[in-house]
Every structure is written in C-alpha cells, then in structure tokens.
C-alpha atoms as a PDB file:
ATOM      1  CA  MET A   1       0.851 319.267 201.731  1.00  0.00           C
ATOM      2  CA  PRO A   2      -0.965 316.124 200.623  1.00  0.00           C
ATOM      3  CA  LEU A   3       1.256 313.506 198.907  1.00  0.00           C
ATOM      4  CA  THR A   4       1.100 313.277 195.056  1.00  0.00           C
ATOM      5  CA  ILE A   5       1.722 310.372 192.872  1.00  0.00           C
ATOM      6  CA  GLN A   6       3.931 312.497 190.526  1.00  0.00           C
ATOM      7  CA  THR A   7       6.216 313.743 193.399  1.00  0.00           C
ATOM      8  CA  ASP A   8       5.937 311.354 196.257  1.00  0.00           C
ATOM      9  CA  GLY A   9       4.869 308.183 194.508  1.00  0.00           C
ATOM     10  CA  ALA A  10       1.734 308.004 196.547  1.00  0.00           C
ATOM     11  CA  GLN A  11      -1.626 309.622 196.700  1.00  0.00           C
ATOM     12  CA  HIS A  12      -4.650 309.330 199.017  1.00  0.00           C
ATOM     13  CA  ILE A  13      -8.175 309.363 197.270  1.00  0.00           C
ATOM     14  CA  PRO A  14     -10.790 309.798 200.066  1.00  0.00           C
ATOM     15  CA  ALA A  15     -14.320 308.337 199.694  1.00  0.00           C
ATOM     16  CA  ALA A  16     -13.365 307.058 196.210  1.00  0.00           C
ATOM     17  CA  LEU A  17     -15.936 304.220 196.476  1.00  0.00           C
ATOM     18  CA  ASP A  18     -19.616 304.472 197.297  1.00  0.00           C
ATOM     19  CA  ALA A  19     -21.569 301.891 199.360  1.00  0.00           C
ATOM     20  CA  THR A  20     -22.959 300.026 196.445  1.00  0.00           C
ATOM     21  CA  THR A  21     -19.502 299.445 194.797  1.00  0.00           C
ATOM     22  CA  LEU A  22     -18.088 298.352 198.243  1.00  0.00           C
ATOM     23  CA  ALA A  23     -20.961 295.779 198.682  1.00  0.00           C
ATOM     24  CA  THR A  24     -20.380 294.443 195.169  1.00  0.00           C
ATOM     25  CA  ILE A  25     -16.683 293.904 195.869  1.00  0.00           C
ATOM     26  CA  GLU A  26     -17.420 292.249 199.168  1.00  0.00           C
ATOM     27  CA  THR A  27     -19.899 289.928 197.517  1.00  0.00           C
ATOM     28  CA  ALA A  28     -17.281 288.986 195.012  1.00  0.00           C
ATOM     29  CA  LEU A  29     -14.698 288.073 197.690  1.00  0.00           C
ATOM     30  CA  ALA A  30     -17.290 286.519 200.100  1.00  0.00           C
ATOM     31  CA  THR A  31     -16.369 282.887 199.223  1.00  0.00           C
ATOM     32  CA  LEU A  32     -12.719 283.159 199.853  1.00  0.00           C
ATOM     33  CA  PRO A  33     -11.111 281.608 202.876  1.00  0.00           C
ATOM     34  CA  LYS A  34     -10.974 283.709 205.867  1.00  0.00           C
ATOM     35  CA  ASP A  35      -7.836 282.399 207.402  1.00  0.00           C
ATOM     36  CA  ARG A  36      -5.238 283.493 204.904  1.00  0.00           C
ATOM     37  CA  PRO A  37      -3.138 286.701 205.350  1.00  0.00           C
ATOM     38  CA  GLY A  38      -2.786 287.286 201.578  1.00  0.00           C
ATOM     39  CA  GLN A  39      -4.478 285.629 198.712  1.00  0.00           C
ATOM     40  CA  ARG A  40      -3.647 286.190 194.956  1.00  0.00           C
ATOM     41  CA  LEU A  41      -6.761 286.312 192.953  1.00  0.00           C
ATOM     42  CA  THR A  42      -7.214 285.285 189.296  1.00  0.00           C
ATOM     43  CA  ALA A  43     -11.047 285.301 188.854  1.00  0.00           C
ATOM     44  CA  LEU A  44     -12.723 288.586 189.392  1.00  0.00           C
ATOM     45  CA  ALA A  45     -14.766 288.776 186.265  1.00  0.00           C
ATOM     46  CA  GLU A  46     -17.680 290.309 188.077  1.00  0.00           C
ATOM     47  CA  LEU A  47     -15.555 293.208 189.117  1.00  0.00           C
ATOM     48  CA  ALA A  48     -14.369 293.865 185.461  1.00  0.00           C
ATOM     49  CA  PRO A  49     -16.556 296.908 184.940  1.00  0.00           C
ATOM     50  CA  PHE A  50     -15.239 298.496 188.136  1.00  0.00           C
ATOM     51  CA  LEU A  51     -11.509 297.707 187.155  1.00  0.00           C
ATOM     52  CA  ALA A  52     -11.682 299.049 183.625  1.00  0.00           C
ATOM     53  CA  PRO A  53     -10.193 302.347 182.773  1.00  0.00           C
ATOM     54  CA  THR A  54     -13.702 303.990 182.784  1.00  0.00           C
ATOM     55  CA  GLY A  55     -14.808 302.285 186.092  1.00  0.00           C
ATOM     56  CA  PRO A  56     -14.692 303.795 189.583  1.00  0.00           C
ATOM     57  CA  ILE A  57     -11.557 301.915 190.475  1.00  0.00           C
ATOM     58  CA  GLY A  58      -9.713 301.715 187.176  1.00  0.00           C
ATOM     59  CA  CYS A  59     -10.352 305.396 186.437  1.00  0.00           C
ATOM     60  CA  HIS A  60      -7.651 306.178 188.972  1.00  0.00           C
ATOM     61  CA  ALA A  61      -5.059 304.089 187.397  1.00  0.00           C
ATOM     62  CA  ALA A  62      -5.997 305.520 183.982  1.00  0.00           C
ATOM     63  CA  ALA A  63      -5.566 309.023 185.137  1.00  0.00           C
ATOM     64  CA  HIS A  64      -1.964 307.982 185.818  1.00  0.00           C
ATOM     65  CA  LEU A  65      -1.127 305.574 183.196  1.00  0.00           C
ATOM     66  CA  GLY A  66      -3.593 306.525 180.335  1.00  0.00           C
ATOM     67  CA  ASN A  67      -6.588 304.606 178.985  1.00  0.00           C
ATOM     68  CA  ALA A  68      -4.471 301.527 177.999  1.00  0.00           C
ATOM     69  CA  ALA A  69      -4.168 300.854 181.876  1.00  0.00           C
ATOM     70  CA  LYS A  70      -5.351 297.310 182.740  1.00  0.00           C
ATOM     71  CA  PRO A  71      -5.416 295.242 186.152  1.00  0.00           C
ATOM     72  CA  VAL A  72      -2.683 292.621 185.936  1.00  0.00           C
ATOM     73  CA  ARG A  73      -2.537 291.301 189.428  1.00  0.00           C
ATOM     74  CA  ALA A  74      -4.847 291.266 192.478  1.00  0.00           C
ATOM     75  CA  ILE A  75      -4.182 290.366 196.086  1.00  0.00           C
ATOM     76  CA  LEU A  76      -6.534 290.539 198.983  1.00  0.00           C
ATOM     77  CA  PHE A  77      -4.987 291.245 202.338  1.00  0.00           C
ATOM     78  CA  ASP A  78      -6.804 290.648 205.581  1.00  0.00           C
ATOM     79  CA  LYS A  79      -4.745 291.471 208.715  1.00  0.00           C
ATOM     80  CA  ASN A  80      -6.720 290.579 211.833  1.00  0.00           C
ATOM     81  CA  GLU A  81      -6.227 288.922 215.276  1.00  0.00           C
ATOM     82  CA  ALA A  82      -5.480 285.497 213.571  1.00  0.00           C
ATOM     83  CA  THR A  83      -3.222 286.885 210.754  1.00  0.00           C
ATOM     84  CA  ASN A  84      -1.386 289.708 212.475  1.00  0.00           C
ATOM     85  CA  TRP A  85       1.883 289.836 210.414  1.00  0.00           C
ATOM     86  CA  ALA A  86       4.635 292.347 210.177  1.00  0.00           C
ATOM     87  CA  LEU A  87       6.559 293.047 206.701  1.00  0.00           C
ATOM     88  CA  GLY A  88       9.909 294.787 206.589  1.00  0.00           C
ATOM     89  CA  TRP A  89      10.781 297.459 204.133  1.00  0.00           C
ATOM     90  CA  HIS A  90      10.856 296.294 200.459  1.00  0.00           C
ATOM     91  CA  GLN A  91       9.987 296.944 196.919  1.00  0.00           C
ATOM     92  CA  ASP A  92       7.538 294.866 194.823  1.00  0.00           C
ATOM     93  CA  ARG A  93       9.641 293.303 192.060  1.00  0.00           C
ATOM     94  CA  THR A  94       7.707 290.528 190.381  1.00  0.00           C
ATOM     95  CA  ILE A  95       4.682 290.286 187.969  1.00  0.00           C
ATOM     96  CA  ALA A  96       2.431 287.338 187.516  1.00  0.00           C
ATOM     97  CA  VAL A  97       2.199 285.777 184.079  1.00  0.00           C
ATOM     98  CA  ARG A  98       0.236 282.974 182.453  1.00  0.00           C
ATOM     99  CA  GLN A  99       3.113 280.597 181.806  1.00  0.00           C
ATOM    100  CA  ARG A 100       7.002 280.484 182.002  1.00  0.00           C
ATOM    101  CA  ILE A 101       8.420 281.566 178.785  1.00  0.00           C
ATOM    102  CA  GLU A 102      12.043 282.405 178.820  1.00  0.00           C
ATOM    103  CA  THR A 103      12.318 286.059 177.770  1.00  0.00           C
ATOM    104  CA  PRO A 104      15.438 288.368 177.725  1.00  0.00           C
ATOM    105  CA  GLY A 105      15.589 290.699 180.661  1.00  0.00           C
ATOM    106  CA  PHE A 106      12.914 288.651 182.598  1.00  0.00           C
ATOM    107  CA  GLY A 107      14.054 286.576 185.599  1.00  0.00           C
ATOM    108  CA  PRO A 108      14.555 285.137 188.104  1.00  0.00           C
ATOM    109  CA  TRP A 109      11.292 283.008 188.102  1.00  0.00           C
ATOM    110  CA  THR A 110       9.313 282.163 191.217  1.00  0.00           C
ATOM    111  CA  ILE A 111       6.038 280.250 191.995  1.00  0.00           C
ATOM    112  CA  LYS A 112       3.779 282.080 194.531  1.00  0.00           C
ATOM    113  CA  SER A 113       0.366 280.506 195.479  1.00  0.00           C
ATOM    114  CA  GLY A 114       0.817 278.161 192.572  1.00  0.00           C
ATOM    115  CA  LEU A 115       1.257 281.066 190.047  1.00  0.00           C
ATOM    116  CA  GLN A 116       4.152 281.955 187.815  1.00  0.00           C
ATOM    117  CA  HIS A 117       5.995 285.080 188.804  1.00  0.00           C
ATOM    118  CA  VAL A 118       8.935 286.758 187.259  1.00  0.00           C
ATOM    119  CA  ALA A 119      11.059 289.836 187.865  1.00  0.00           C
ATOM    120  CA  PRO A 120      10.681 292.005 184.829  1.00  0.00           C
ATOM    121  CA  PRO A 121      13.107 294.890 183.705  1.00  0.00           C
ATOM    122  CA  GLN A 122      12.963 297.728 186.372  1.00  0.00           C
ATOM    123  CA  SER A 123      11.686 300.012 183.567  1.00  0.00           C
ATOM    124  CA  LEU A 124       8.412 298.048 183.330  1.00  0.00           C
ATOM    125  CA  LEU A 125       7.973 298.318 187.100  1.00  0.00           C
ATOM    126  CA  ASP A 126       8.622 301.997 186.997  1.00  0.00           C
ATOM    127  CA  ARG A 127       5.730 302.450 184.555  1.00  0.00           C
ATOM    128  CA  MET A 128       3.291 300.556 186.793  1.00  0.00           C
ATOM    129  CA  CYS A 129       1.007 301.775 189.551  1.00  0.00           C
ATOM    130  CA  THR A 130      -0.682 299.899 192.410  1.00  0.00           C
ATOM    131  CA  LEU A 131      -4.079 300.780 193.940  1.00  0.00           C
ATOM    132  CA  ARG A 132      -5.142 299.635 197.393  1.00  0.00           C
ATOM    133  CA  ILE A 133      -8.843 299.387 198.009  1.00  0.00           C
ATOM    134  CA  HIS A 134      -9.820 299.830 201.627  1.00  0.00           C
ATOM    135  CA  LEU A 135     -12.713 297.773 202.722  1.00  0.00           C
ATOM    136  CA  ASP A 136     -12.128 298.551 206.350  1.00  0.00           C
ATOM    137  CA  PRO A 137     -10.907 301.631 208.146  1.00  0.00           C
ATOM    138  CA  VAL A 138      -7.169 301.697 209.033  1.00  0.00           C
ATOM    139  CA  ASP A 139      -5.997 303.920 211.880  1.00  0.00           C
ATOM    140  CA  ALA A 140      -2.564 304.083 213.458  1.00  0.00           C
ATOM    141  CA  ASP A 141      -3.326 301.082 215.695  1.00  0.00           C
ATOM    142  CA  ASN A 142      -4.457 298.897 212.827  1.00  0.00           C
ATOM    143  CA  ALA A 143      -1.242 298.386 210.861  1.00  0.00           C
ATOM    144  CA  PRO A 144      -1.423 301.001 208.157  1.00  0.00           C
ATOM    145  CA  LEU A 145       0.953 300.679 205.226  1.00  0.00           C
ATOM    146  CA  LEU A 146       4.229 302.618 205.711  1.00  0.00           C
ATOM    147  CA  ILE A 147       5.841 304.143 202.713  1.00  0.00           C
ATOM    148  CA  ALA A 148       8.983 305.991 201.862  1.00  0.00           C
ATOM    149  CA  PRO A 149       7.907 308.957 199.861  1.00  0.00           C
ATOM    150  CA  GLY A 150      10.043 309.560 196.651  1.00  0.00           C
ATOM    151  CA  SER A 151      11.868 306.150 196.865  1.00  0.00           C
ATOM    152  CA  HIS A 152      10.201 305.091 193.674  1.00  0.00           C
ATOM    153  CA  ARG A 153      12.474 307.479 191.762  1.00  0.00           C
ATOM    154  CA  HIS A 154      15.576 305.533 192.695  1.00  0.00           C
ATOM    155  CA  GLY A 155      15.041 302.380 190.638  1.00  0.00           C
ATOM    156  CA  ARG A 156      15.939 298.995 191.988  1.00  0.00           C
ATOM    157  CA  ILE A 157      17.270 299.476 195.519  1.00  0.00           C
ATOM    158  CA  ALA A 158      19.784 296.932 196.848  1.00  0.00           C
ATOM    159  CA  GLU A 159      18.673 295.351 200.066  1.00  0.00           C
ATOM    160  CA  SER A 160      21.741 296.718 201.812  1.00  0.00           C
ATOM    161  CA  ASP A 161      20.742 300.226 200.891  1.00  0.00           C
ATOM    162  CA  VAL A 162      17.106 300.111 201.930  1.00  0.00           C
ATOM    163  CA  PRO A 163      17.563 301.345 205.483  1.00  0.00           C
ATOM    164  CA  ALA A 164      19.531 304.510 204.326  1.00  0.00           C
ATOM    165  CA  MET A 165      16.928 305.175 201.710  1.00  0.00           C
ATOM    166  CA  VAL A 166      14.122 305.182 204.151  1.00  0.00           C
ATOM    167  CA  ASP A 167      16.042 307.360 206.464  1.00  0.00           C
ATOM    168  CA  ARG A 168      16.618 309.695 203.561  1.00  0.00           C
ATOM    169  CA  CYS A 169      13.052 309.732 202.356  1.00  0.00           C
ATOM    170  CA  GLY A 170      11.231 309.576 205.556  1.00  0.00           C
ATOM    171  CA  THR A 171       8.185 307.496 206.481  1.00  0.00           C
ATOM    172  CA  VAL A 172       4.457 308.267 206.065  1.00  0.00           C
ATOM    173  CA  ALA A 173       1.662 305.989 207.441  1.00  0.00           C
ATOM    174  CA  CYS A 174      -1.251 305.598 205.002  1.00  0.00           C
ATOM    175  CA  LEU A 175      -4.238 305.972 207.107  1.00  0.00           C
ATOM    176  CA  ALA A 176      -7.551 305.282 205.445  1.00  0.00           C
ATOM    177  CA  SER A 177     -11.418 305.098 205.888  1.00  0.00           C
ATOM    178  CA  ARG A 178     -13.616 302.425 204.378  1.00  0.00           C
ATOM    179  CA  GLY A 179     -14.069 303.216 200.668  1.00  0.00           C
ATOM    180  CA  ASP A 180     -10.777 305.155 200.297  1.00  0.00           C
ATOM    181  CA  ILE A 181      -8.090 304.328 197.769  1.00  0.00           C
ATOM    182  CA  TRP A 182      -4.456 304.794 198.074  1.00  0.00           C
ATOM    183  CA  LEU A 183      -2.486 304.986 194.692  1.00  0.00           C
ATOM    184  CA  TYR A 184       1.110 304.123 194.604  1.00  0.00           C
ATOM    185  CA  ALA A 185       4.178 303.930 192.120  1.00  0.00           C
ATOM    186  CA  THR A 186       4.540 300.144 192.231  1.00  0.00           C
ATOM    187  CA  PRO A 187       8.323 300.350 193.030  1.00  0.00           C
ATOM    188  CA  ILE A 188       7.837 302.486 196.158  1.00  0.00           C
ATOM    189  CA  LEU A 189       9.541 301.209 199.372  1.00  0.00           C
ATOM    190  CA  HIS A 190       6.834 300.131 201.831  1.00  0.00           C
ATOM    191  CA  ALA A 191       6.462 298.188 205.083  1.00  0.00           C
ATOM    192  CA  SER A 192       3.894 297.165 207.531  1.00  0.00           C
ATOM    193  CA  ASP A 193       4.138 296.615 211.327  1.00  0.00           C
ATOM    194  CA  ALA A 194       1.906 294.161 213.215  1.00  0.00           C
ATOM    195  CA  ALA A 195      -1.329 295.798 214.410  1.00  0.00           C
ATOM    196  CA  ALA A 196      -1.230 297.081 218.016  1.00  0.00           C
ATOM    197  CA  ASN A 197      -4.966 296.738 218.194  1.00  0.00           C
ATOM    198  CA  PRO A 198      -5.741 294.010 215.546  1.00  0.00           C
ATOM    199  CA  ARG A 199      -9.020 293.713 213.749  1.00  0.00           C
ATOM    200  CA  HIS A 200     -10.044 293.194 210.270  1.00  0.00           C
ATOM    201  CA  ARG A 201      -7.947 295.334 207.790  1.00  0.00           C
ATOM    202  CA  ARG A 202      -9.219 294.091 204.379  1.00  0.00           C
ATOM    203  CA  VAL A 203      -7.350 295.620 201.374  1.00  0.00           C
ATOM    204  CA  LEU A 204      -7.853 294.701 197.726  1.00  0.00           C
ATOM    205  CA  GLN A 205      -4.594 295.480 196.233  1.00  0.00           C
ATOM    206  CA  LEU A 206      -4.506 295.820 192.380  1.00  0.00           C
ATOM    207  CA  ASP A 207      -1.473 296.295 190.080  1.00  0.00           C
ATOM    208  CA  TYR A 208      -2.040 298.118 186.759  1.00  0.00           C
ATOM    209  CA  SER A 209       0.079 298.388 183.700  1.00  0.00           C
ATOM    210  CA  ALA A 210      -0.388 299.948 180.250  1.00  0.00           C
ATOM    211  CA  ASP A 211       2.323 297.822 178.811  1.00  0.00           C
ATOM    212  CA  ASP A 212       2.030 294.610 176.755  1.00  0.00           C
ATOM    213  CA  LEU A 213       4.828 291.962 177.516  1.00  0.00           C
ATOM    214  CA  PRO A 214       7.205 291.073 174.880  1.00  0.00           C
ATOM    215  CA  GLY A 215       7.139 287.984 172.732  1.00  0.00           C
ATOM    216  CA  ASP A 216       4.744 285.255 173.825  1.00  0.00           C
ATOM    217  CA  LEU A 217       4.881 286.327 177.443  1.00  0.00           C
ATOM    218  CA  GLU A 218       1.424 287.192 178.934  1.00  0.00           C
ATOM    219  CA  TRP A 219       0.198 288.931 181.980  1.00  0.00           C
ATOM    220  CA  LEU A 220      -1.921 286.521 184.133  1.00  0.00           C
ATOM    221  CA  GLY A 221      -4.441 289.271 184.530  1.00  0.00           C
ATOM    222  CA  ILE A 222      -7.603 289.102 186.632  1.00  0.00           C
END
C-alpha cells in the first residue's frame, strides 16, 4: 500500500510539476553557488505564485494544513560527486525567524547560515509539513531520503531512543522522478546515506505552517 501523510507521515506525489514549472524553479535557483551541499534560501519572490496555497506546489501543503498554509523556510540540497554527504537519523527541530526575540517555550537559539533559528514547542512542529521538490531523479544508488514511517506520531524523540524507534517503525527509501514531490510530517525521523553512484540530486525542501508565531516573533519566510 502507498504511504499516506495521515498514517505514515509521508506521501509520494508523482509527476506533481510540469516542465514549465520545473524550468521556472531552475531559473530562480540558477545564480546560486554550485559547491554547497545545502543552502538556506530567503529570496524566492519569483516563485511566490507556485508556493501559495493555490499554486502547483503550495496546494499540496494546503491540502494537509488548510488554506492558511504558508512557506516558512526553504533549503536547496544538491548531493553530487563533490558534495556527497551522509546524514544520520534525526528529526528537524528548529524554525527560521526574522530576529531573536525571547519567547516562552522557544529555545535554544542557533545561527545557521547567518540566519536566526530556534527550537519551537513540539506542538508547533507537529502541525507543520515539509515538501521536497525533486529537480533530478533519485534512484536507490543516488542517496534517496530514508524515513521511518509513523515516527512523527511520537513527538520529540530523545537521541538515545532514535535507533529503537527506527527499528520499530521500519525504513522506507523515498525514490523519485524529476517533477515528483514527497510530502512529509515535519517531525518524521529521516536520514540519508552517501550516494553509491553520485550525480546531481537537487531537492528544493520547503517547510509549511498554518500558524502565526506568538508575540513579536516572526517567521523568516521565503
């Protein structure tokens, strides 16, 4: 049976984007450096119509979160021969915000790529979703993302408990063709091996939330 976001915390959406949309995305990303494994993006205004709840990308977040869904963080990953990394099992636990404003329930604070990040309450992460837009095909030799289905339902998982949770939930490799989207519950356990046959594996990862942040705290946004 195919995975579903409701049950498994992940869902494959084949052929979600047409050639024109993919070309527009690639044009918007064309000026970025080519030698960085992961780049946090803050200026994607030209993609706003695609990322909006009615757009061909944002509509998949809106189907899960409702029409208040908005993109709150973007990262471009490009795993290739020069940047062929591996990443152990973990949860995404931070959000990007405009500035550091001490807020109850938010912390610790970190700086990533010069941007303010903070760990929010787990309940906020539990209401978020993540979309991975595949600009290149990803087969078993090209380091597909690995997920532990159902792990998103267990809240914040202590690092010491991660191996047992992965064993309990099992592992799925998220294979994809160009133009596919994988939709995830943001807190799902995931990992990535180094590619056995490395070549470009460009993925635009977008975090979505329908929540406003409390007080004066603001999403960094895209």
